[in-house]
Every structure is written in structure tokens, then in C-alpha cells.
Protein backbone atom coordinates (compact mmCIF):
# COMPACT_ATOMS: atom_id res chain seq x y z
CA ASP A 1 108.17 49.74 88.85
CA ILE A 2 105.58 52.25 87.63
CA ASP A 3 105.46 53.77 84.17
CA ARG A 4 106.97 57.27 84.16
CA SER A 5 106.12 58.23 80.60
CA PRO A 6 106.80 61.89 79.83
CA LEU A 7 103.85 64.21 80.21
CA SER A 8 102.69 65.59 76.88
CA ALA A 9 102.84 69.29 76.15
CA VAL A 10 99.52 71.05 75.94
CA GLY A 11 97.90 70.77 72.51
CA LEU A 12 94.82 72.14 70.81
CA LYS A 13 92.56 69.44 72.26
CA GLU A 14 93.64 70.26 75.84
CA ILE A 15 93.33 74.03 75.28
CA LEU A 16 89.81 73.50 73.95
CA ALA A 17 88.94 71.29 76.94
CA TRP A 18 90.27 74.02 79.28
CA THR A 19 88.29 76.70 77.42
CA LEU A 20 85.15 74.60 77.87
CA SER A 21 85.91 74.21 81.62
CA LEU A 22 86.62 70.49 81.20
CA ARG A 23 90.16 71.00 82.55
CA VAL A 24 91.53 72.91 85.52
CA ARG A 25 94.82 74.83 85.37
CA LEU A 26 97.20 74.56 88.31
CA ARG A 27 100.69 75.94 89.00
CA VAL A 28 103.31 73.50 90.28
CA GLN A 29 105.05 74.54 93.50
CA GLY A 30 108.21 72.75 94.60
CA GLN A 31 110.55 70.13 93.17
CA SER A 32 108.81 66.92 94.28
CA MET A 33 107.87 65.94 90.71
CA SER A 34 111.16 66.96 89.07
CA PRO A 35 112.21 66.29 86.34
CA THR A 36 108.68 65.58 85.04
CA LEU A 37 107.28 68.82 86.48
CA GLU A 38 109.36 71.75 87.68
CA ASP A 39 108.54 74.52 90.13
CA GLY A 40 106.53 77.17 88.26
CA ASP A 41 105.22 74.85 85.52
CA HIS A 42 101.49 74.95 84.81
CA VAL A 43 99.49 71.77 84.29
CA LEU A 44 95.96 70.98 83.18
CA PHE A 45 94.05 68.29 85.00
CA ARG A 46 90.79 66.51 84.28
CA PRO A 47 88.50 66.26 87.31
CA SER A 48 88.17 62.57 88.07
CA THR A 49 87.27 60.12 90.81
CA THR A 50 89.49 57.33 89.44
CA ALA A 51 93.21 56.94 88.82
CA SER A 52 95.62 54.14 87.88
CA PRO A 53 99.23 53.38 88.78
CA GLY A 54 101.51 55.68 86.78
CA ASP A 55 98.98 58.52 86.55
CA ILE A 56 99.98 61.95 87.82
CA VAL A 57 97.16 63.17 90.04
CA VAL A 58 96.02 66.21 91.97
CA CYS A 59 94.77 65.49 95.49
CA ARG A 60 93.86 67.48 98.54
CA HIS A 61 96.52 67.17 101.24
CA PRO A 62 95.16 64.76 103.87
CA PHE A 63 95.92 67.08 106.81
CA ARG A 64 95.68 70.51 105.14
CA THR A 65 92.63 70.20 102.92
CA ASP A 66 93.08 73.75 101.57
CA THR A 67 96.36 72.56 99.98
CA ARG A 68 96.66 70.51 96.79
CA ILE A 69 99.44 68.02 96.07
CA ILE A 70 100.58 66.71 92.69
CA LYS A 71 102.07 63.20 92.79
CA ARG A 72 102.26 59.98 90.82
CA VAL A 73 100.07 56.99 91.72
CA LEU A 74 102.21 54.09 92.88
CA GLU A 75 99.34 51.84 93.99
CA GLN A 76 95.59 51.96 94.29
CA GLY A 77 93.29 50.05 96.60
CA PRO A 78 89.73 50.17 97.88
CA ASP A 79 90.73 52.51 100.71
CA GLY A 80 92.81 54.96 98.65
CA LEU A 81 96.00 55.75 96.78
CA ILE A 82 99.69 55.37 97.51
CA LEU A 83 101.37 58.42 95.97
CA ARG A 84 105.04 59.16 95.28
CA GLY A 85 106.89 62.17 93.97
CA ASP A 86 109.23 61.59 91.02
CA ASN A 87 111.94 63.26 93.15
CA PRO A 88 111.63 61.38 96.47
CA ALA A 89 114.35 63.45 98.16
CA ALA A 90 112.17 66.58 97.79
CA SER A 91 108.75 64.97 98.17
CA THR A 92 106.23 64.72 100.97
CA ASP A 93 104.06 61.82 99.81
CA SER A 94 102.59 58.55 101.07
CA ALA A 95 105.93 57.67 102.67
CA GLN A 96 105.10 60.38 105.24
CA LEU A 97 101.34 60.87 104.77
CA GLY A 98 100.17 57.29 104.35
CA ARG A 99 97.42 56.22 101.99
CA ILE A 100 95.47 59.13 100.47
CA PRO A 101 91.69 58.52 100.62
CA TRP A 102 89.82 58.38 97.31
CA ALA A 103 87.70 61.33 98.49
CA HIS A 104 90.82 63.53 98.32
CA LEU A 105 91.43 62.79 94.62
CA GLN A 106 90.60 65.83 92.49
CA GLY A 107 91.76 64.64 89.09
CA CYS A 108 94.41 63.38 86.69
CA VAL A 109 97.00 65.63 85.05
CA THR A 110 96.57 65.57 81.27
CA ALA A 111 99.17 68.05 79.98
CA LYS A 112 101.96 70.43 80.91
CA MET A 113 101.73 74.03 79.70
């Protein structure tokens, strides 16, 4: 089972990183990551090309590349990531989409605002 540690609230360090354009702000849409993230929450993410199991990540949707998805990494492999929502009943994730290519990874969520 993957680690589902609570996401930390935004602190001074994250606000400073955002101010310096080292973080990207994104609004959560939908209930797929509930209760960790709720519809309307804002998160900060660090652009990254790597992720580990348990990380919450932002990826481009594999079939609608103008859409971003926020999910938790279940597994990683050389050909991509297996992602799951914390609320599987409301989530479209690797169960439907398959493995998400590494090239679609945009970054790792660092804090909830």
C-alpha cells in the first residue's frame, strides 16, 4: 500500500518559492483526490521530471493534452507512471487511462493553499 501522508498547508517557504516562480499554482477540479484535496482547493507544485510512489503529481492527460490531472503515484517504471486518485469511485486514472508516460509529468505537488 502507498503512503498517503497528509499534504502540508502552504508555508512561508512555499510562498517564497511561488513568488520566485519556482512553484506553479493550480486549482483542483473534481473529487478524485478527496479527502486529501477537495474541489476548489489550490495547490502549489514543483516542476519536475521525476516522481516516487506516494507523491501527488500533476500530469497532462494522455488523450487530452490541454488538460491536467492531479493523482497519486502508485507505481513507477521506465515507461511511465501508474496513477490513482485517493477517491477511486470519482477518479479517472491509470485504471482507465493506463500507464502515463514520463513525458506527461509536469511536477510534484508540494503544498495545499
